[in-house]
Amino acid sequence: MDNDEKVLQILTQMQGDISDLMQGQAELRTDVAELKEDVRRIDKKVELIDKKVELIDKTVIRIENNHGEKLAVLFDGQKQNSQLLETIKEEVSRHEEVILRKVL
């Protein structure tokens, strides 16, 4: 094989390699385009999730405030009931003393 044939063989081989590289590059571009689209979809989903989380946070805060107010009212009512019971106990004790004095 003379030099011209060797050069021709190397050039033919290089042309095949270049063709393979170009095909690989085209496939990479397609893959990158698909990845970009996937990232866009993920970004949109993350935005939706963020909005939902924000709404949930607001709802939880509102519920906590409402329940806090209701619990405060319940504790006030319990305190008033305890005070009323104490007053009734004192009154009953006085009546018991009066009854015992009259009986004895």
PDB file of N, CA and C in Angstrom:
ATOM      1  N   MET A   1       0.856  -1.166   0.000  1.00  0.00           N
ATOM      2  CA  MET A   1       0.000   0.000   0.000  1.00  0.00           C
ATOM      3  C   MET A   1       0.899   1.226   0.000  1.00  0.00           C
ATOM      4  N   ASP A   2       0.654   2.063  -0.971  1.00  0.00           N
ATOM      5  CA  ASP A   2       1.496   3.257  -1.061  1.00  0.00           C
ATOM      6  C   ASP A   2       0.913   4.384  -0.210  1.00  0.00           C
ATOM      7  N   ASN A   3       1.596   5.484  -0.161  1.00  0.00           N
ATOM      8  CA  ASN A   3       1.224   6.614   0.696  1.00  0.00           C
ATOM      9  C   ASN A   3      -0.140   7.189   0.332  1.00  0.00           C
ATOM     10  N   ASP A   4      -0.430   7.258  -0.929  1.00  0.00           N
ATOM     11  CA  ASP A   4      -1.734   7.822  -1.334  1.00  0.00           C
ATOM     12  C   ASP A   4      -2.874   6.945  -0.813  1.00  0.00           C
ATOM     13  N   GLU A   5      -2.694   5.661  -0.895  1.00  0.00           N
ATOM     14  CA  GLU A   5      -3.741   4.763  -0.409  1.00  0.00           C
ATOM     15  C   GLU A   5      -3.887   4.878   1.105  1.00  0.00           C
ATOM     16  N   LYS A   6      -2.761   5.005   1.795  1.00  0.00           N
ATOM     17  CA  LYS A   6      -2.802   5.163   3.250  1.00  0.00           C
ATOM     18  C   LYS A   6      -3.505   6.462   3.632  1.00  0.00           C
ATOM     19  N   VAL A   7      -3.171   7.528   2.932  1.00  0.00           N
ATOM     20  CA  VAL A   7      -3.814   8.824   3.194  1.00  0.00           C
ATOM     21  C   VAL A   7      -5.301   8.726   2.912  1.00  0.00           C
ATOM     22  N   LEU A   8      -5.657   8.067   1.801  1.00  0.00           N
ATOM     23  CA  LEU A   8      -7.072   7.908   1.443  1.00  0.00           C
ATOM     24  C   LEU A   8      -7.801   7.086   2.493  1.00  0.00           C
ATOM     25  N   GLN A   9      -7.159   6.058   2.980  1.00  0.00           N
ATOM     26  CA  GLN A   9      -7.758   5.210   4.014  1.00  0.00           C
ATOM     27  C   GLN A   9      -7.952   6.003   5.306  1.00  0.00           C
ATOM     28  N   ILE A  10      -6.955   6.778   5.690  1.00  0.00           N
ATOM     29  CA  ILE A  10      -7.049   7.597   6.906  1.00  0.00           C
ATOM     30  C   ILE A  10      -8.138   8.651   6.744  1.00  0.00           C
ATOM     31  N   LEU A  11      -8.196   9.284   5.571  1.00  0.00           N
ATOM     32  CA  LEU A  11      -9.238  10.291   5.327  1.00  0.00           C
ATOM     33  C   LEU A  11     -10.629   9.663   5.363  1.00  0.00           C
ATOM     34  N   THR A  12     -10.758   8.491   4.801  1.00  0.00           N
ATOM     35  CA  THR A  12     -12.054   7.792   4.817  1.00  0.00           C
ATOM     36  C   THR A  12     -12.442   7.461   6.253  1.00  0.00           C
ATOM     37  N   GLN A  13     -11.502   6.990   7.012  1.00  0.00           N
ATOM     38  CA  GLN A  13     -11.752   6.674   8.416  1.00  0.00           C
ATOM     39  C   GLN A  13     -12.116   7.935   9.195  1.00  0.00           C
ATOM     40  N   MET A  14     -11.405   9.025   8.940  1.00  0.00           N
ATOM     41  CA  MET A  14     -11.688  10.303   9.609  1.00  0.00           C
ATOM     42  C   MET A  14     -13.069  10.811   9.223  1.00  0.00           C
ATOM     43  N   GLN A  15     -13.439  10.619   7.960  1.00  0.00           N
ATOM     44  CA  GLN A  15     -14.763  11.060   7.514  1.00  0.00           C
ATOM     45  C   GLN A  15     -15.839  10.286   8.263  1.00  0.00           C
ATOM     46  N   GLY A  16     -15.629   8.988   8.464  1.00  0.00           N
ATOM     47  CA  GLY A  16     -16.577   8.180   9.250  1.00  0.00           C
ATOM     48  C   GLY A  16     -16.639   8.651  10.694  1.00  0.00           C
ATOM     49  N   ASP A  17     -15.457   8.941  11.260  1.00  0.00           N
ATOM     50  CA  ASP A  17     -15.411   9.425  12.646  1.00  0.00           C
ATOM     51  C   ASP A  17     -16.127  10.763  12.779  1.00  0.00           C
ATOM     52  N   ILE A  18     -15.896  11.654  11.812  1.00  0.00           N
ATOM     53  CA  ILE A  18     -16.557  12.963  11.829  1.00  0.00           C
ATOM     54  C   ILE A  18     -18.058  12.798  11.700  1.00  0.00           C
ATOM     55  N   SER A  19     -18.471  11.879  10.825  1.00  0.00           N
ATOM     56  CA  SER A  19     -19.901  11.617  10.654  1.00  0.00           C
ATOM     57  C   SER A  19     -20.504  11.110  11.959  1.00  0.00           C
ATOM     58  N   ASP A  20     -19.799  10.202  12.644  1.00  0.00           N
ATOM     59  CA  ASP A  20     -20.273   9.697  13.942  1.00  0.00           C
ATOM     60  C   ASP A  20     -20.342  10.819  14.970  1.00  0.00           C
ATOM     61  N   LEU A  21     -19.335  11.678  14.980  1.00  0.00           N
ATOM     62  CA  LEU A  21     -19.323  12.814  15.913  1.00  0.00           C
ATOM     63  C   LEU A  21     -20.485  13.755  15.648  1.00  0.00           C
ATOM     64  N   MET A  22     -20.753  14.020  14.386  1.00  0.00           N
ATOM     65  CA  MET A  22     -21.863  14.920  14.042  1.00  0.00           C
ATOM     66  C   MET A  22     -23.197  14.303  14.449  1.00  0.00           C
ATOM     67  N   GLN A  23     -23.342  12.997  14.251  1.00  0.00           N
ATOM     68  CA  GLN A  23     -24.570  12.317  14.647  1.00  0.00           C
ATOM     69  C   GLN A  23     -24.717  12.366  16.171  1.00  0.00           C
ATOM     70  N   GLY A  24     -23.606  12.127  16.872  1.00  0.00           N
ATOM     71  CA  GLY A  24     -23.629  12.209  18.339  1.00  0.00           C
ATOM     72  C   GLY A  24     -23.982  13.604  18.812  1.00  0.00           C
ATOM     73  N   GLN A  25     -23.452  14.607  18.130  1.00  0.00           N
ATOM     74  CA  GLN A  25     -23.739  15.990  18.494  1.00  0.00           C
ATOM     75  C   GLN A  25     -25.220  16.298  18.275  1.00  0.00           C
ATOM     76  N   ALA A  26     -25.790  15.807  17.198  1.00  0.00           N
ATOM     77  CA  ALA A  26     -27.218  16.016  16.924  1.00  0.00           C
ATOM     78  C   ALA A  26     -28.068  15.344  17.990  1.00  0.00           C
ATOM     79  N   GLU A  27     -27.672  14.147  18.402  1.00  0.00           N
ATOM     80  CA  GLU A  27     -28.409  13.446  19.462  1.00  0.00           C
ATOM     81  C   GLU A  27     -28.306  14.204  20.782  1.00  0.00           C
ATOM     82  N   LEU A  28     -27.120  14.737  21.062  1.00  0.00           N
ATOM     83  CA  LEU A  28     -26.947  15.532  22.286  1.00  0.00           C
ATOM     84  C   LEU A  28     -27.827  16.771  22.272  1.00  0.00           C
ATOM     85  N   ARG A  29     -27.903  17.426  21.121  1.00  0.00           N
ATOM     86  CA  ARG A  29     -28.762  18.618  21.021  1.00  0.00           C
ATOM     87  C   ARG A  29     -30.212  18.243  21.287  1.00  0.00           C
ATOM     88  N   THR A  30     -30.656  17.115  20.744  1.00  0.00           N
ATOM     89  CA  THR A  30     -32.025  16.649  20.973  1.00  0.00           C
ATOM     90  C   THR A  30     -32.234  16.361  22.461  1.00  0.00           C
ATOM     91  N   ASP A  31     -31.274  15.671  23.055  1.00  0.00           N
ATOM     92  CA  ASP A  31     -31.382  15.356  24.487  1.00  0.00           C
ATOM     93  C   ASP A  31     -31.407  16.617  25.334  1.00  0.00           C
ATOM     94  N   VAL A  32     -30.570  17.590  25.005  1.00  0.00           N
ATOM     95  CA  VAL A  32     -30.537  18.854  25.751  1.00  0.00           C
ATOM     96  C   VAL A  32     -31.873  19.588  25.605  1.00  0.00           C
ATOM     97  N   ALA A  33     -32.436  19.577  24.406  1.00  0.00           N
ATOM     98  CA  ALA A  33     -33.733  20.235  24.193  1.00  0.00           C
ATOM     99  C   ALA A  33     -34.807  19.557  25.041  1.00  0.00           C
ATOM    100  N   GLU A  34     -34.778  18.229  25.092  1.00  0.00           N
ATOM    101  CA  GLU A  34     -35.742  17.496  25.915  1.00  0.00           C
ATOM    102  C   GLU A  34     -35.533  17.806  27.391  1.00  0.00           C
ATOM    103  N   LEU A  35     -34.286  17.878  27.816  1.00  0.00           N
ATOM    104  CA  LEU A  35     -33.992  18.221  29.205  1.00  0.00           C
ATOM    105  C   LEU A  35     -34.486  19.615  29.563  1.00  0.00           C
ATOM    106  N   LYS A  36     -34.298  20.548  28.646  1.00  0.00           N
ATOM    107  CA  LYS A  36     -34.777  21.913  28.892  1.00  0.00           C
ATOM    108  C   LYS A  36     -36.294  21.918  29.071  1.00  0.00           C
ATOM    109  N   GLU A  37     -36.977  21.171  28.238  1.00  0.00           N
ATOM    110  CA  GLU A  37     -38.439  21.098  28.342  1.00  0.00           C
ATOM    111  C   GLU A  37     -38.843  20.443  29.672  1.00  0.00           C
ATOM    112  N   ASP A  38     -38.136  19.413  30.059  1.00  0.00           N
ATOM    113  CA  ASP A  38     -38.405  18.768  31.348  1.00  0.00           C
ATOM    114  C   ASP A  38     -38.201  19.751  32.495  1.00  0.00           C
ATOM    115  N   VAL A  39     -37.142  20.528  32.431  1.00  0.00           N
ATOM    116  CA  VAL A  39     -36.858  21.514  33.476  1.00  0.00           C
ATOM    117  C   VAL A  39     -37.961  22.572  33.519  1.00  0.00           C
ATOM    118  N   ARG A  40     -38.440  22.992  32.359  1.00  0.00           N
ATOM    119  CA  ARG A  40     -39.539  23.977  32.322  1.00  0.00           C
ATOM    120  C   ARG A  40     -40.776  23.410  33.011  1.00  0.00           C
ATOM    121  N   ARG A  41     -41.094  22.146  32.718  1.00  0.00           N
ATOM    122  CA  ARG A  41     -42.267  21.521  33.339  1.00  0.00           C
ATOM    123  C   ARG A  41     -42.074  21.402  34.855  1.00  0.00           C
ATOM    124  N   ILE A  42     -40.867  21.045  35.256  1.00  0.00           N
ATOM    125  CA  ILE A  42     -40.585  20.930  36.690  1.00  0.00           C
ATOM    126  C   ILE A  42     -40.702  22.301  37.351  1.00  0.00           C
ATOM    127  N   ASP A  43     -40.194  23.334  36.700  1.00  0.00           N
ATOM    128  CA  ASP A  43     -40.308  24.694  37.251  1.00  0.00           C
ATOM    129  C   ASP A  43     -41.760  25.095  37.440  1.00  0.00           C
ATOM    130  N   LYS A  44     -42.602  24.774  36.466  1.00  0.00           N
ATOM    131  CA  LYS A  44     -44.023  25.108  36.579  1.00  0.00           C
ATOM    132  C   LYS A  44     -44.655  24.354  37.741  1.00  0.00           C
ATOM    133  N   LYS A  45     -44.299  23.075  37.885  1.00  0.00           N
ATOM    134  CA  LYS A  45     -44.852  22.286  38.989  1.00  0.00           C
ATOM    135  C   LYS A  45     -44.378  22.837  40.332  1.00  0.00           C
ATOM    136  N   VAL A  46     -43.124  23.235  40.411  1.00  0.00           N
ATOM    137  CA  VAL A  46     -42.592  23.800  41.658  1.00  0.00           C
ATOM    138  C   VAL A  46     -43.321  25.094  41.991  1.00  0.00           C
ATOM    139  N   GLU A  47     -43.597  25.912  40.988  1.00  0.00           N
ATOM    140  CA  GLU A  47     -44.345  27.156  41.224  1.00  0.00           C
ATOM    141  C   GLU A  47     -45.735  26.844  41.763  1.00  0.00           C
ATOM    142  N   LEU A  48     -46.399  25.844  41.186  1.00  0.00           N
ATOM    143  CA  LEU A  48     -47.723  25.446  41.676  1.00  0.00           C
ATOM    144  C   LEU A  48     -47.645  24.942  43.106  1.00  0.00           C
ATOM    145  N   ILE A  49     -46.626  24.147  43.393  1.00  0.00           N
ATOM    146  CA  ILE A  49     -46.456  23.633  44.751  1.00  0.00           C
ATOM    147  C   ILE A  49     -46.201  24.785  45.716  1.00  0.00           C
ATOM    148  N   ASP A  50     -45.376  25.736  45.323  1.00  0.00           N
ATOM    149  CA  ASP A  50     -45.110  26.897  46.171  1.00  0.00           C
ATOM    150  C   ASP A  50     -46.393  27.662  46.478  1.00  0.00           C
ATOM    151  N   LYS A  51     -47.224  27.861  45.455  1.00  0.00           N
ATOM    152  CA  LYS A  51     -48.489  28.574  45.659  1.00  0.00           C
ATOM    153  C   LYS A  51     -49.400  27.797  46.608  1.00  0.00           C
ATOM    154  N   LYS A  52     -49.449  26.474  46.429  1.00  0.00           N
ATOM    155  CA  LYS A  52     -50.293  25.660  47.306  1.00  0.00           C
ATOM    156  C   LYS A  52     -49.775  25.689  48.739  1.00  0.00           C
ATOM    157  N   VAL A  53     -48.463  25.614  48.907  1.00  0.00           N
ATOM    158  CA  VAL A  53     -47.877  25.659  50.251  1.00  0.00           C
ATOM    159  C   VAL A  53     -48.179  27.005  50.898  1.00  0.00           C
ATOM    160  N   GLU A  54     -48.084  28.076  50.130  1.00  0.00           N
ATOM    161  CA  GLU A  54     -48.392  29.407  50.666  1.00  0.00           C
ATOM    162  C   GLU A  54     -49.851  29.479  51.104  1.00  0.00           C
ATOM    163  N   LEU A  55     -50.741  28.929  50.296  1.00  0.00           N
ATOM    164  CA  LEU A  55     -52.162  28.907  50.651  1.00  0.00           C
ATOM    165  C   LEU A  55     -52.392  28.073  51.906  1.00  0.00           C
ATOM    166  N   ILE A  56     -51.722  26.935  51.987  1.00  0.00           N
ATOM    167  CA  ILE A  56     -51.854  26.078  53.165  1.00  0.00           C
ATOM    168  C   ILE A  56     -51.333  26.800  54.397  1.00  0.00           C
ATOM    169  N   ASP A  57     -50.198  27.488  54.265  1.00  0.00           N
ATOM    170  CA  ASP A  57     -49.653  28.253  55.394  1.00  0.00           C
ATOM    171  C   ASP A  57     -50.646  29.293  55.887  1.00  0.00           C
ATOM    172  N   LYS A  58     -51.239  30.019  54.954  1.00  0.00           N
ATOM    173  CA  LYS A  58     -52.220  31.042  55.337  1.00  0.00           C
ATOM    174  C   LYS A  58     -53.419  30.407  56.030  1.00  0.00           C
ATOM    175  N   THR A  59     -53.865  29.268  55.497  1.00  0.00           N
ATOM    176  CA  THR A  59     -55.015  28.581  56.085  1.00  0.00           C
ATOM    177  C   THR A  59     -54.690  28.095  57.493  1.00  0.00           C
ATOM    178  N   VAL A  60     -53.507  27.532  57.667  1.00  0.00           N
ATOM    179  CA  VAL A  60     -53.098  27.044  58.988  1.00  0.00           C
ATOM    180  C   VAL A  60     -53.015  28.207  59.978  1.00  0.00           C
ATOM    181  N   ILE A  61     -52.464  29.321  59.558  1.00  0.00           N
ATOM    182  CA  ILE A  61     -52.368  30.489  60.439  1.00  0.00           C
ATOM    183  C   ILE A  61     -53.762  30.968  60.846  1.00  0.00           C
ATOM    184  N   ARG A  62     -54.673  31.008  59.856  1.00  0.00           N
ATOM    185  CA  ARG A  62     -56.043  31.439  60.159  1.00  0.00           C
ATOM    186  C   ARG A  62     -56.703  30.476  61.141  1.00  0.00           C
ATOM    187  N   ILE A  63     -56.527  29.170  60.927  1.00  0.00           N
ATOM    188  CA  ILE A  63     -57.119  28.165  61.816  1.00  0.00           C
ATOM    189  C   ILE A  63     -56.521  28.299  63.220  1.00  0.00           C
ATOM    190  N   GLU A  64     -55.204  28.471  63.301  1.00  0.00           N
ATOM    191  CA  GLU A  64     -54.563  28.617  64.610  1.00  0.00           C
ATOM    192  C   GLU A  64     -55.095  29.844  65.340  1.00  0.00           C
ATOM    193  N   ASN A  65     -55.253  30.946  64.630  1.00  0.00           N
ATOM    194  CA  ASN A  65     -55.792  32.159  65.264  1.00  0.00           C
ATOM    195  C   ASN A  65     -57.219  31.933  65.747  1.00  0.00           C
ATOM    196  N   ASN A  66     -58.051  31.324  64.884  1.00  0.00           N
ATOM    197  CA  ASN A  66     -59.441  31.066  65.276  1.00  0.00           C
ATOM    198  C   ASN A  66     -59.510  30.144  66.481  1.00  0.00           C
ATOM    199  N   HIS A  67     -58.714  29.085  66.465  1.00  0.00           N
ATOM    200  CA  HIS A  67     -58.735  28.157  67.593  1.00  0.00           C
ATOM    201  C   HIS A  67     -58.176  28.802  68.851  1.00  0.00           C
ATOM    202  N   GLY A  68     -57.181  29.649  68.682  1.00  0.00           N
ATOM    203  CA  GLY A  68     -56.633  30.360  69.843  1.00  0.00           C
ATOM    204  C   GLY A  68     -57.692  31.234  70.503  1.00  0.00           C
ATOM    205  N   GLU A  69     -58.456  31.937  69.673  1.00  0.00           N
ATOM    206  CA  GLU A  69     -59.526  32.779  70.215  1.00  0.00           C
ATOM    207  C   GLU A  69     -60.588  31.932  70.913  1.00  0.00           C
ATOM    208  N   LYS A  70     -60.963  30.815  70.283  1.00  0.00           N
ATOM    209  CA  LYS A  70     -61.988  29.940  70.866  1.00  0.00           C
ATOM    210  C   LYS A  70     -61.503  29.332  72.175  1.00  0.00           C
ATOM    211  N   LEU A  71     -60.224  28.934  72.215  1.00  0.00           N
ATOM    212  CA  LEU A  71     -59.684  28.377  73.455  1.00  0.00           C
ATOM    213  C   LEU A  71     -59.660  29.431  74.559  1.00  0.00           C
ATOM    214  N   ALA A  72     -59.329  30.657  74.209  1.00  0.00           N
ATOM    215  CA  ALA A  72     -59.323  31.725  75.202  1.00  0.00           C
ATOM    216  C   ALA A  72     -60.719  31.917  75.787  1.00  0.00           C
ATOM    217  N   VAL A  73     -61.734  31.865  74.922  1.00  0.00           N
ATOM    218  CA  VAL A  73     -63.120  32.009  75.385  1.00  0.00           C
ATOM    219  C   VAL A  73     -63.493  30.845  76.288  1.00  0.00           C
ATOM    220  N   LEU A  74     -63.095  29.639  75.893  1.00  0.00           N
ATOM    221  CA  LEU A  74     -63.402  28.463  76.720  1.00  0.00           C
ATOM    222  C   LEU A  74     -62.727  28.560  78.085  1.00  0.00           C
ATOM    223  N   PHE A  75     -61.460  28.995  78.116  1.00  0.00           N
ATOM    224  CA  PHE A  75     -60.773  29.130  79.396  1.00  0.00           C
ATOM    225  C   PHE A  75     -61.429  30.203  80.262  1.00  0.00           C
ATOM    226  N   ASP A  76     -61.859  31.300  79.647  1.00  0.00           N
ATOM    227  CA  ASP A  76     -62.570  32.332  80.401  1.00  0.00           C
ATOM    228  C   ASP A  76     -63.859  31.773  80.988  1.00  0.00           C
ATOM    229  N   GLY A  77     -64.583  31.006  80.177  1.00  0.00           N
ATOM    230  CA  GLY A  77     -65.826  30.393  80.662  1.00  0.00           C
ATOM    231  C   GLY A  77     -65.547  29.419  81.797  1.00  0.00           C
ATOM    232  N   GLN A  78     -64.494  28.632  81.678  1.00  0.00           N
ATOM    233  CA  GLN A  78     -64.127  27.699  82.743  1.00  0.00           C
ATOM    234  C   GLN A  78     -63.786  28.449  84.023  1.00  0.00           C
ATOM    235  N   LYS A  79     -63.072  29.553  83.879  1.00  0.00           N
ATOM    236  CA  LYS A  79     -62.705  30.362  85.047  1.00  0.00           C
ATOM    237  C   LYS A  79     -63.954  30.920  85.720  1.00  0.00           C
ATOM    238  N   GLN A  80     -64.898  31.417  84.917  1.00  0.00           N
ATOM    239  CA  GLN A  80     -66.145  31.946  85.469  1.00  0.00           C
ATOM    240  C   GLN A  80     -66.936  30.846  86.170  1.00  0.00           C
ATOM    241  N   ASN A  81     -66.981  29.651  85.562  1.00  0.00           N
ATOM    242  CA  ASN A  81     -67.689  28.537  86.196  1.00  0.00           C
ATOM    243  C   ASN A  81     -67.044  28.161  87.522  1.00  0.00           C
ATOM    244  N   SER A  82     -65.714  28.153  87.552  1.00  0.00           N
ATOM    245  CA  SER A  82     -65.002  27.826  88.800  1.00  0.00           C
ATOM    246  C   SER A  82     -65.313  28.860  89.878  1.00  0.00           C
ATOM    247  N   GLN A  83     -65.324  30.126  89.503  1.00  0.00           N
ATOM    248  CA  GLN A  83     -65.638  31.187  90.464  1.00  0.00           C
ATOM    249  C   GLN A  83     -67.073  31.056  90.964  1.00  0.00           C
ATOM    250  N   LEU A  84     -67.986  30.736  90.050  1.00  0.00           N
ATOM    251  CA  LEU A  84     -69.391  30.565  90.439  1.00  0.00           C
ATOM    252  C   LEU A  84     -69.542  29.381  91.378  1.00  0.00           C
ATOM    253  N   LEU A  85     -68.863  28.286  91.095  1.00  0.00           N
ATOM    254  CA  LEU A  85     -68.922  27.117  91.975  1.00  0.00           C
ATOM    255  C   LEU A  85     -68.362  27.453  93.359  1.00  0.00           C
ATOM    256  N   GLU A  86     -67.301  28.211  93.384  1.00  0.00           N
ATOM    257  CA  GLU A  86     -66.707  28.609  94.674  1.00  0.00           C
ATOM    258  C   GLU A  86     -67.704  29.451  95.468  1.00  0.00           C
ATOM    259  N   THR A  87     -68.379  30.360  94.785  1.00  0.00           N
ATOM    260  CA  THR A  87     -69.398  31.195  95.437  1.00  0.00           C
ATOM    261  C   THR A  87     -70.531  30.326  95.978  1.00  0.00           C
ATOM    262  N   ILE A  88     -70.967  29.361  95.175  1.00  0.00           N
ATOM    263  CA  ILE A  88     -72.056  28.460  95.599  1.00  0.00           C
ATOM    264  C   ILE A  88     -71.599  27.626  96.794  1.00  0.00           C
ATOM    265  N   LYS A  89     -70.361  27.144  96.796  1.00  0.00           N
ATOM    266  CA  LYS A  89     -69.843  26.361  97.921  1.00  0.00           C
ATOM    267  C   LYS A  89     -69.861  27.191  99.201  1.00  0.00           C
ATOM    268  N   GLU A  90     -69.437  28.432  99.095  1.00  0.00           N
ATOM    269  CA  GLU A  90     -69.420  29.309 100.270  1.00  0.00           C
ATOM    270  C   GLU A  90     -70.837  29.525 100.795  1.00  0.00           C
ATOM    271  N   GLU A  91     -71.775  29.727  99.884  1.00  0.00           N
ATOM    272  CA  GLU A  91     -73.171  29.948 100.277  1.00  0.00           C
ATOM    273  C   GLU A  91     -73.753  28.701 100.937  1.00  0.00           C
ATOM    274  N   VAL A  92     -73.453  27.535 100.359  1.00  0.00           N
ATOM    275  CA  VAL A  92     -73.942  26.279 100.943  1.00  0.00           C
ATOM    276  C   VAL A  92     -73.328  26.085 102.329  1.00  0.00           C
ATOM    277  N   SER A  93     -72.061  26.410 102.489  1.00  0.00           N
ATOM    278  CA  SER A  93     -71.410  26.272 103.799  1.00  0.00           C
ATOM    279  C   SER A  93     -72.094  27.150 104.841  1.00  0.00           C
ATOM    280  N   ARG A  94     -72.429  28.376 104.451  1.00  0.00           N
ATOM    281  CA  ARG A  94     -73.123  29.269 105.385  1.00  0.00           C
ATOM    282  C   ARG A  94     -74.491  28.707 105.762  1.00  0.00           C
ATOM    283  N   HIS A  95     -75.197  28.174 104.779  1.00  0.00           N
ATOM    284  CA  HIS A  95     -76.516  27.592 105.063  1.00  0.00           C
ATOM    285  C   HIS A  95     -76.377  26.366 105.957  1.00  0.00           C
ATOM    286  N   GLU A  96     -75.348  25.563 105.755  1.00  0.00           N
ATOM    287  CA  GLU A  96     -75.127  24.398 106.586  1.00  0.00           C
ATOM    288  C   GLU A  96     -74.882  24.833 108.036  1.00  0.00           C
ATOM    289  N   GLU A  97     -74.097  25.907 108.184  1.00  0.00           N
ATOM    290  CA  GLU A  97     -73.823  26.387 109.545  1.00  0.00           C
ATOM    291  C   GLU A  97     -75.112  26.849 110.232  1.00  0.00           C
ATOM    292  N   VAL A  98     -75.944  27.555 109.466  1.00  0.00           N
ATOM    293  CA  VAL A  98     -77.211  28.034 110.026  1.00  0.00           C
ATOM    294  C   VAL A  98     -78.091  26.867 110.398  1.00  0.00           C
ATOM    295  N   ILE A  99     -78.191  25.875 109.525  1.00  0.00           N
ATOM    296  CA  ILE A  99     -79.036  24.703 109.777  1.00  0.00           C
ATOM    297  C   ILE A  99     -78.515  23.935 110.982  1.00  0.00           C
ATOM    298  N   LEU A 100     -77.200  23.749 111.067  1.00  0.00           N
ATOM    299  CA  LEU A 100     -76.629  23.016 112.192  1.00  0.00           C
ATOM    300  C   LEU A 100     -76.870  23.771 113.514  1.00  0.00           C
ATOM    301  N   ARG A 101     -76.800  25.078 113.520  1.00  0.00           N
ATOM    302  CA  ARG A 101     -77.046  25.854 114.727  1.00  0.00           C
ATOM    303  C   ARG A 101     -78.497  25.718 115.189  1.00  0.00           C
ATOM    304  N   LYS A 102     -79.403  25.685 114.223  1.00  0.00           N
ATOM    305  CA  LYS A 102     -80.810  25.584 114.568  1.00  0.00           C
ATOM    306  C   LYS A 102     -81.168  24.169 115.012  1.00  0.00           C
ATOM    307  N   VAL A 103     -80.510  23.190 114.450  1.00  0.00           N
ATOM    308  CA  VAL A 103     -80.787  21.806 114.809  1.00  0.00           C
ATOM    309  C   VAL A 103     -80.186  21.484 116.171  1.00  0.00           C
ATOM    310  N   LEU A 104     -79.049  22.004 116.461  1.00  0.00           N
ATOM    311  CA  LEU A 104     -78.387  21.691 117.733  1.00  0.00           C
ATOM    312  C   LEU A 104     -78.874  22.619 118.784  1.00  0.00           C
TER     313      LEU A 104
END
